[in-house]
C-alpha atoms as a PDB file:
ATOM      1  CA  MET A   1      80.085 180.986 114.214  1.00  0.00           C
ATOM      2  CA  ASP A   2      81.370 184.017 116.051  1.00  0.00           C
ATOM      3  CA  SER A   3      80.513 183.623 119.740  1.00  0.00           C
ATOM      4  CA  ARG A   4      79.801 187.359 120.012  1.00  0.00           C
ATOM      5  CA  LEU A   5      76.618 186.759 117.959  1.00  0.00           C
ATOM      6  CA  LYS A   6      75.190 184.013 120.156  1.00  0.00           C
ATOM      7  CA  PRO A   7      73.383 186.289 122.661  1.00  0.00           C
ATOM      8  CA  TYR A   8      71.477 187.859 119.749  1.00  0.00           C
ATOM      9  CA  LEU A   9      70.797 184.630 117.956  1.00  0.00           C
ATOM     10  CA  GLU A  10      69.689 182.818 121.095  1.00  0.00           C
ATOM     11  CA  SER A  11      67.494 185.543 122.507  1.00  0.00           C
ATOM     12  CA  THR A  12      63.812 184.529 122.782  1.00  0.00           C
ATOM     13  CA  ASP A  13      62.489 188.130 122.943  1.00  0.00           C
ATOM     14  CA  GLU A  14      62.578 190.141 119.763  1.00  0.00           C
ATOM     15  CA  GLY A  15      62.920 193.443 121.582  1.00  0.00           C
ATOM     16  CA  ASP A  16      65.797 192.219 123.715  1.00  0.00           C
ATOM     17  CA  ALA A  17      67.359 190.645 120.611  1.00  0.00           C
ATOM     18  CA  GLU A  18      67.366 193.961 118.753  1.00  0.00           C
ATOM     19  CA  ARG A  19      68.907 195.734 121.723  1.00  0.00           C
ATOM     20  CA  VAL A  20      71.625 193.068 121.884  1.00  0.00           C
ATOM     21  CA  LEU A  21      72.194 193.398 118.153  1.00  0.00           C
ATOM     22  CA  GLY A  22      72.630 197.160 118.579  1.00  0.00           C
ATOM     23  CA  ASP A  23      75.230 196.615 121.291  1.00  0.00           C
ATOM     24  CA  ILE A  24      77.108 194.062 119.151  1.00  0.00           C
ATOM     25  CA  MET A  25      77.206 196.424 116.191  1.00  0.00           C
ATOM     26  CA  THR A  26      78.316 199.327 118.361  1.00  0.00           C
ATOM     27  CA  SER A  27      81.099 197.360 120.119  1.00  0.00           C
ATOM     28  CA  HIS A  28      82.417 195.037 117.397  1.00  0.00           C
ATOM     29  CA  ALA A  29      81.357 196.028 113.885  1.00  0.00           C
ATOM     30  CA  ALA A  30      80.683 199.758 113.537  1.00  0.00           C
ATOM     31  CA  PRO A  31      84.155 200.906 114.757  1.00  0.00           C
ATOM     32  CA  VAL A  32      85.833 198.627 112.194  1.00  0.00           C
ATOM     33  CA  VAL A  33      83.621 199.887 109.406  1.00  0.00           C
ATOM     34  CA  ARG A  34      84.118 203.511 110.372  1.00  0.00           C
ATOM     35  CA  SER A  35      87.901 203.203 110.647  1.00  0.00           C
ATOM     36  CA  ILE A  36      88.229 201.637 107.209  1.00  0.00           C
ATOM     37  CA  VAL A  37      85.816 203.884 105.405  1.00  0.00           C
ATOM     38  CA  ARG A  38      87.377 206.986 106.815  1.00  0.00           C
ATOM     39  CA  ALA A  39      90.837 205.742 106.053  1.00  0.00           C
ATOM     40  CA  LYS A  40      89.893 204.929 102.454  1.00  0.00           C
ATOM     41  CA  LEU A  41      87.578 207.817 101.607  1.00  0.00           C
ATOM     42  CA  GLY A  42      89.057 210.523 103.842  1.00  0.00           C
ATOM     43  CA  GLY A  43      87.036 213.707 103.550  1.00  0.00           C
ATOM     44  CA  SER A  44      84.807 212.469 100.747  1.00  0.00           C
ATOM     45  CA  PRO A  45      81.245 213.707 101.157  1.00  0.00           C
ATOM     46  CA  ASP A  46      80.148 210.136 100.284  1.00  0.00           C
ATOM     47  CA  ALA A  47      81.978 208.563 103.298  1.00  0.00           C
ATOM     48  CA  SER A  48      78.995 208.751 105.636  1.00  0.00           C
ATOM     49  CA  ASP A  49      76.675 207.173 103.047  1.00  0.00           C
ATOM     50  CA  VAL A  50      79.164 204.335 102.402  1.00  0.00           C
ATOM     51  CA  GLU A  51      79.598 203.748 106.154  1.00  0.00           C
ATOM     52  CA  SER A  52      75.853 203.723 106.698  1.00  0.00           C
ATOM     53  CA  GLY A  53      75.315 201.386 103.760  1.00  0.00           C
ATOM     54  CA  VAL A  54      77.836 198.859 105.071  1.00  0.00           C
ATOM     55  CA  THR A  55      76.302 199.002 108.568  1.00  0.00           C
ATOM     56  CA  LEU A  56      72.805 198.320 107.258  1.00  0.00           C
ATOM     57  CA  GLU A  57      74.084 195.446 105.119  1.00  0.00           C
ATOM     58  CA  LEU A  58      75.785 193.913 108.151  1.00  0.00           C
ATOM     59  CA  ILE A  59      72.638 194.213 110.266  1.00  0.00           C
ATOM     60  CA  ALA A  60      70.557 192.581 107.540  1.00  0.00           C
ATOM     61  CA  ARG A  61      73.123 189.794 107.215  1.00  0.00           C
ATOM     62  CA  ILE A  62      73.076 189.114 110.955  1.00  0.00           C
ATOM     63  CA  ARG A  63      69.303 189.224 111.121  1.00  0.00           C
ATOM     64  CA  ALA A  64      69.191 186.695 108.365  1.00  0.00           C
ATOM     65  CA  MET A  65      71.204 184.320 110.486  1.00  0.00           C
ATOM     66  CA  ARG A  66      68.433 184.563 113.124  1.00  0.00           C
ATOM     67  CA  THR A  67      65.437 184.161 110.755  1.00  0.00           C
ATOM     68  CA  CYS A  68      66.965 181.736 108.165  1.00  0.00           C
ATOM     69  CA  PRO A  69      68.735 178.781 109.768  1.00  0.00           C
ATOM     70  CA  ASP A  70      70.404 177.885 106.400  1.00  0.00           C
ATOM     71  CA  THR A  71      72.201 181.246 106.240  1.00  0.00           C
ATOM     72  CA  GLU A  72      75.994 180.826 106.264  1.00  0.00           C
ATOM     73  CA  PRO A  73      77.268 181.831 109.670  1.00  0.00           C
ATOM     74  CA  ILE A  74      79.737 184.673 110.239  1.00  0.00           C
ATOM     75  CA  GLU A  75      82.848 183.142 111.756  1.00  0.00           C
ATOM     76  CA  ASP A  76      84.604 186.395 112.775  1.00  0.00           C
ATOM     77  CA  LEU A  77      82.479 189.523 112.947  1.00  0.00           C
ATOM     78  CA  PRO A  78      85.234 192.158 112.921  1.00  0.00           C
ATOM     79  CA  SER A  79      86.950 190.464 109.983  1.00  0.00           C
ATOM     80  CA  TYR A  80      83.625 190.148 108.119  1.00  0.00           C
ATOM     81  CA  ALA A  81      82.904 193.834 108.794  1.00  0.00           C
ATOM     82  CA  ALA A  82      86.381 194.838 107.585  1.00  0.00           C
ATOM     83  CA  THR A  83      85.880 192.841 104.336  1.00  0.00           C
ATOM     84  CA  ALA A  84      82.443 194.425 103.808  1.00  0.00           C
ATOM     85  CA  ALA A  85      83.880 197.903 104.368  1.00  0.00           C
ATOM     86  CA  HIS A  86      86.782 197.307 101.936  1.00  0.00           C
ATOM     87  CA  ASN A  87      84.403 195.968  99.310  1.00  0.00           C
ATOM     88  CA  ALA A  88      82.099 198.962  99.775  1.00  0.00           C
ATOM     89  CA  CYS A  89      84.943 201.382  99.299  1.00  0.00           C
ATOM     90  CA  ILE A  90      86.100 199.567  96.121  1.00  0.00           C
ATOM     91  CA  GLY A  91      82.507 199.779  94.809  1.00  0.00           C
ATOM     92  CA  HIS A  92      82.524 203.520  95.543  1.00  0.00           C
ATOM     93  CA  PHE A  93      85.811 203.889  93.653  1.00  0.00           C
ATOM     94  CA  ARG A  94      84.416 202.027  90.643  1.00  0.00           C
ATOM     95  CA  ARG A  95      81.347 204.266  90.603  1.00  0.00           C
ATOM     96  CA  THR A  96      83.637 207.258  90.903  1.00  0.00           C
ATOM     97  CA  LEU A  97      85.661 206.065  87.929  1.00  0.00           C
ATOM     98  CA  ARG A  98      82.493 205.822  85.866  1.00  0.00           C
ATOM     99  CA  GLU A  99      81.445 209.347  86.802  1.00  0.00           C
ATOM    100  CA  ARG A 100      84.725 211.231  86.472  1.00  0.00           C
ATOM    101  CA  SER A 101      86.496 212.538  83.406  1.00  0.00           C
ATOM    102  CA  PRO A 102      90.233 212.132  82.921  1.00  0.00           C
ATOM    103  CA  ALA A 103      90.589 215.770  83.973  1.00  0.00           C
ATOM    104  CA  ASN A 104      89.621 214.827  87.452  1.00  0.00           C
ATOM    105  CA  LEU A 105      92.525 212.384  87.831  1.00  0.00           C
ATOM    106  CA  LEU A 106      95.073 215.183  87.679  1.00  0.00           C
ATOM    107  CA  GLN A 107      92.745 217.410  89.701  1.00  0.00           C
ATOM    108  CA  GLN A 108      92.950 214.796  92.459  1.00  0.00           C
ATOM    109  CA  ILE A 109      96.751 215.201  92.392  1.00  0.00           C
ATOM    110  CA  GLY A 110      96.255 218.901  93.243  1.00  0.00           C
ATOM    111  CA  GLU A 111      96.446 220.838  90.021  1.00  0.00           C
ATOM    112  CA  GLU A 112      93.664 223.292  89.450  1.00  0.00           C
ATOM    113  CA  ASP A 113      94.373 223.927  85.740  1.00  0.00           C
ATOM    114  CA  THR A 114      93.811 220.423  84.446  1.00  0.00           C
ATOM    115  CA  PRO A 115      93.957 219.021  80.931  1.00  0.00           C
ATOM    116  CA  GLY A 116      91.092 217.053  79.379  1.00  0.00           C
ATOM    117  CA  ALA A 117      88.375 219.284  80.720  1.00  0.00           C
ATOM    118  CA  SER A 118      86.416 218.942  77.471  1.00  0.00           C
ATOM    119  CA  LEU A 119      85.634 215.375  78.408  1.00  0.00           C
ATOM    120  CA  ASP A 120      83.655 216.427  81.516  1.00  0.00           C
ATOM    121  CA  THR A 121      80.372 215.996  79.620  1.00  0.00           C
ATOM    122  CA  ALA A 122      81.359 213.000  77.528  1.00  0.00           C
ATOM    123  CA  PRO A 123      79.055 209.891  77.569  1.00  0.00           C
ATOM    124  CA  GLY A 124      79.790 207.377  80.354  1.00  0.00           C
ATOM    125  CA  PRO A 125      81.453 204.557  78.333  1.00  0.00           C
ATOM    126  CA  TYR A 126      83.660 206.981  76.399  1.00  0.00           C
ATOM    127  CA  ARG A 127      84.594 208.748  79.614  1.00  0.00           C
ATOM    128  CA  ILE A 128      85.593 205.436  81.230  1.00  0.00           C
ATOM    129  CA  THR A 129      87.796 204.504  78.273  1.00  0.00           C
ATOM    130  CA  GLN A 130      89.426 207.902  78.198  1.00  0.00           C
ATOM    131  CA  ALA A 131      89.984 207.803  81.942  1.00  0.00           C
ATOM    132  CA  ARG A 132      91.835 204.540  81.588  1.00  0.00           C
ATOM    133  CA  LEU A 133      93.957 205.943  78.783  1.00  0.00           C
ATOM    134  CA  TYR A 134      94.651 209.047  80.756  1.00  0.00           C
ATOM    135  CA  ALA A 135      95.565 207.027  83.863  1.00  0.00           C
ATOM    136  CA  GLN A 136      98.039 205.058  81.754  1.00  0.00           C
ATOM    137  CA  ARG A 137      99.605 208.236  80.447  1.00  0.00           C
ATOM    138  CA  LEU A 138      99.713 209.767  83.896  1.00  0.00           C
ATOM    139  CA  TRP A 139     101.306 206.630  85.356  1.00  0.00           C
ATOM    140  CA  GLU A 140     103.995 206.634  82.615  1.00  0.00           C
ATOM    141  CA  GLU A 141     104.856 210.258  83.492  1.00  0.00           C
ATOM    142  CA  ILE A 142     104.915 209.561  87.208  1.00  0.00           C
ATOM    143  CA  ARG A 143     107.395 206.743  86.659  1.00  0.00           C
ATOM    144  CA  LEU A 144     109.751 209.215  85.001  1.00  0.00           C
ATOM    145  CA  LEU A 145     109.839 211.483  88.050  1.00  0.00           C
ATOM    146  CA  PRO A 146     112.818 211.355  90.491  1.00  0.00           C
ATOM    147  CA  VAL A 147     112.114 208.732  93.163  1.00  0.00           C
ATOM    148  CA  ASN A 148     111.567 211.193  95.993  1.00  0.00           C
ATOM    149  CA  GLN A 149     109.062 213.162  93.893  1.00  0.00           C
ATOM    150  CA  ARG A 150     107.247 209.842  93.157  1.00  0.00           C
ATOM    151  CA  LEU A 151     107.143 209.056  96.884  1.00  0.00           C
ATOM    152  CA  VAL A 152     105.838 212.403  98.136  1.00  0.00           C
ATOM    153  CA  LEU A 153     103.279 212.510  95.323  1.00  0.00           C
ATOM    154  CA  LEU A 154     101.846 208.998  95.391  1.00  0.00           C
ATOM    155  CA  LEU A 155     101.866 208.491  99.138  1.00  0.00           C
ATOM    156  CA  ASN A 156     100.065 211.776  99.647  1.00  0.00           C
ATOM    157  CA  LEU A 157      97.367 211.549  96.966  1.00  0.00           C
ATOM    158  CA  LYS A 158      94.100 212.894  98.358  1.00  0.00           C
ATOM    159  CA  GLY A 159      90.915 210.956  98.677  1.00  0.00           C
ATOM    160  CA  ASP A 160      90.796 207.846  96.550  1.00  0.00           C
ATOM    161  CA  ALA A 161      93.095 208.955  93.735  1.00  0.00           C
ATOM    162  CA  ILE A 162      95.741 206.254  94.184  1.00  0.00           C
ATOM    163  CA  TYR A 163      93.080 203.587  93.795  1.00  0.00           C
ATOM    164  CA  LEU A 164      92.358 204.725  90.298  1.00  0.00           C
ATOM    165  CA  PHE A 165      95.572 203.141  89.061  1.00  0.00           C
ATOM    166  CA  PRO A 166      94.627 199.606  90.213  1.00  0.00           C
ATOM    167  CA  LEU A 167      90.974 200.067  89.188  1.00  0.00           C
ATOM    168  CA  CYS A 168      91.961 201.197  85.731  1.00  0.00           C
ATOM    169  CA  GLY A 169      94.204 198.167  85.388  1.00  0.00           C
ATOM    170  CA  VAL A 170      97.227 200.468  85.072  1.00  0.00           C
ATOM    171  CA  ALA A 171      99.242 199.361  88.110  1.00  0.00           C
ATOM    172  CA  SER A 172      98.580 196.947  91.018  1.00  0.00           C
ATOM    173  CA  ILE A 173     100.036 197.446  94.524  1.00  0.00           C
ATOM    174  CA  ARG A 174     102.859 195.084  93.565  1.00  0.00           C
ATOM    175  CA  GLN A 175     103.535 197.233  90.448  1.00  0.00           C
ATOM    176  CA  ILE A 176     103.358 200.475  92.352  1.00  0.00           C
ATOM    177  CA  ALA A 177     105.864 199.355  95.011  1.00  0.00           C
ATOM    178  CA  PRO A 178     108.893 199.127  92.661  1.00  0.00           C
ATOM    179  CA  VAL A 179     108.189 202.636  91.326  1.00  0.00           C
ATOM    180  CA  LEU A 180     108.434 203.785  94.988  1.00  0.00           C
ATOM    181  CA  GLU A 181     111.526 201.655  95.360  1.00  0.00           C
ATOM    182  CA  MET A 182     110.104 199.722  98.329  1.00  0.00           C
ATOM    183  CA  PRO A 183     109.083 196.064  98.844  1.00  0.00           C
ATOM    184  CA  PRO A 184     105.416 195.286  98.142  1.00  0.00           C
ATOM    185  CA  GLU A 185     105.054 194.185 101.745  1.00  0.00           C
ATOM    186  CA  LYS A 186     106.043 197.616 103.007  1.00  0.00           C
ATOM    187  CA  LEU A 187     103.635 199.423 100.679  1.00  0.00           C
ATOM    188  CA  ALA A 188     100.878 196.992 101.726  1.00  0.00           C
ATOM    189  CA  SER A 189     101.516 197.843 105.360  1.00  0.00           C
ATOM    190  CA  LEU A 190     101.194 201.574 104.548  1.00  0.00           C
ATOM    191  CA  TRP A 191      98.244 201.230 102.230  1.00  0.00           C
ATOM    192  CA  ASN A 192      95.471 201.541 104.821  1.00  0.00           C
ATOM    193  CA  ASP A 193      97.138 204.663 106.235  1.00  0.00           C
ATOM    194  CA  LEU A 194      97.270 206.541 102.943  1.00  0.00           C
ATOM    195  CA  PRO A 195      97.426 209.399 102.312  1.00  0.00           C
ATOM    196  CA  LEU A 196     100.476 210.099 104.532  1.00  0.00           C
ATOM    197  CA  ASP A 197     100.809 213.628 105.760  1.00  0.00           C
ATOM    198  CA  ASP A 198     103.842 215.757 105.102  1.00  0.00           C
ATOM    199  CA  SER A 199     105.293 215.162 108.577  1.00  0.00           C
ATOM    200  CA  ALA A 200     105.121 211.395 108.123  1.00  0.00           C
ATOM    201  CA  LEU A 201     106.717 211.634 104.696  1.00  0.00           C
ATOM    202  CA  ALA A 202     109.444 213.912 106.022  1.00  0.00           C
ATOM    203  CA  ALA A 203     110.249 211.444 108.771  1.00  0.00           C
ATOM    204  CA  GLN A 204     110.319 208.502 106.265  1.00  0.00           C
ATOM    205  CA  LEU A 205     112.591 210.321 103.796  1.00  0.00           C
ATOM    206  CA  ARG A 206     114.659 212.116 106.464  1.00  0.00           C
ATOM    207  CA  LEU A 207     113.840 215.475 104.974  1.00  0.00           C
ATOM    208  CA  SER A 208     112.241 218.575 106.329  1.00  0.00           C
ATOM    209  CA  ARG A 209     108.528 219.149 105.883  1.00  0.00           C
ATOM    210  CA  GLN A 210     109.219 222.112 103.564  1.00  0.00           C
ATOM    211  CA  GLN A 211     111.475 219.896 101.355  1.00  0.00           C
ATOM    212  CA  VAL A 212     108.606 217.393 101.014  1.00  0.00           C
ATOM    213  CA  ILE A 213     106.239 220.220  99.985  1.00  0.00           C
ATOM    214  CA  ASN A 214     108.766 221.507  97.469  1.00  0.00           C
ATOM    215  CA  LEU A 215     109.313 218.094  95.948  1.00  0.00           C
ATOM    216  CA  ARG A 216     105.543 217.584  95.506  1.00  0.00           C
ATOM    217  CA  MET A 217     105.136 221.048  93.928  1.00  0.00           C
ATOM    218  CA  ALA A 218     107.942 220.220  91.469  1.00  0.00           C
ATOM    219  CA  ALA A 219     106.308 216.886  90.611  1.00  0.00           C
ATOM    220  CA  ARG A 220     102.902 218.448  90.005  1.00  0.00           C
ATOM    221  CA  LYS A 221     104.398 221.177  87.835  1.00  0.00           C
ATOM    222  CA  ARG A 222     106.229 218.652  85.669  1.00  0.00           C
ATOM    223  CA  LEU A 223     103.086 216.473  85.302  1.00  0.00           C
ATOM    224  CA  ALA A 224     100.933 219.469  84.374  1.00  0.00           C
ATOM    225  CA  ASN A 225     103.467 220.558  81.730  1.00  0.00           C
ATOM    226  CA  ARG A 226     103.828 216.991  80.317  1.00  0.00           C
ATOM    227  CA  LEU A 227     100.123 216.433  80.130  1.00  0.00           C
ATOM    228  CA  LYS A 228      98.926 219.829  79.015  1.00  0.00           C
ATOM    229  CA  ASP A 229      98.360 218.508  75.465  1.00  0.00           C
ATOM    230  CA  TRP A 230      95.917 215.821  76.650  1.00  0.00           C
ATOM    231  CA  ARG A 231      92.424 216.170  75.185  1.00  0.00           C
END
């Protein structure tokens, strides 16, 4: 069991125990959860709700260790909090996939005039199927882009857009990496920092910031043209 939890678990006064638990969460769990949720969800309006949900689940799990002796102990609180936060973000992405039409996939890439808008009001199961088909088509078109366009597009996708490819079963991290012409280990090391801003991309590609912006605009224009017939 994580030694950081012992003061809470061994406290004989419930009021003191709750104060200790609050200190433990503030010092060792909440910052981890906040960092991961904000990195994954960025400016999503749901980020605060996801963060709060993970925090409440962690508190309930730790309280269970105090009230139910048979509860499996937490061996490393920060690692446990990180896993809970990652899982919560994935759950959010899955719900997002169920709720969004294929049009929103390209909209996440930054185009305002998106194809597939007629599917916005389609029933849930049909929308999911179409979203997966659309993600497959979108991925095929992205793979045909010049490599620098692929890089500045995929590594800068806003919000949770890049997660839709793994969640749709279109491309895993290991399958995305070759398209970016980088080892999977390097992409994995960047994954938690996505999306990269234009300055970071410019430094990585040894280009100017304006060149990065121009490359992305060209990529978006080509994708919009190639996918304008999608319905």
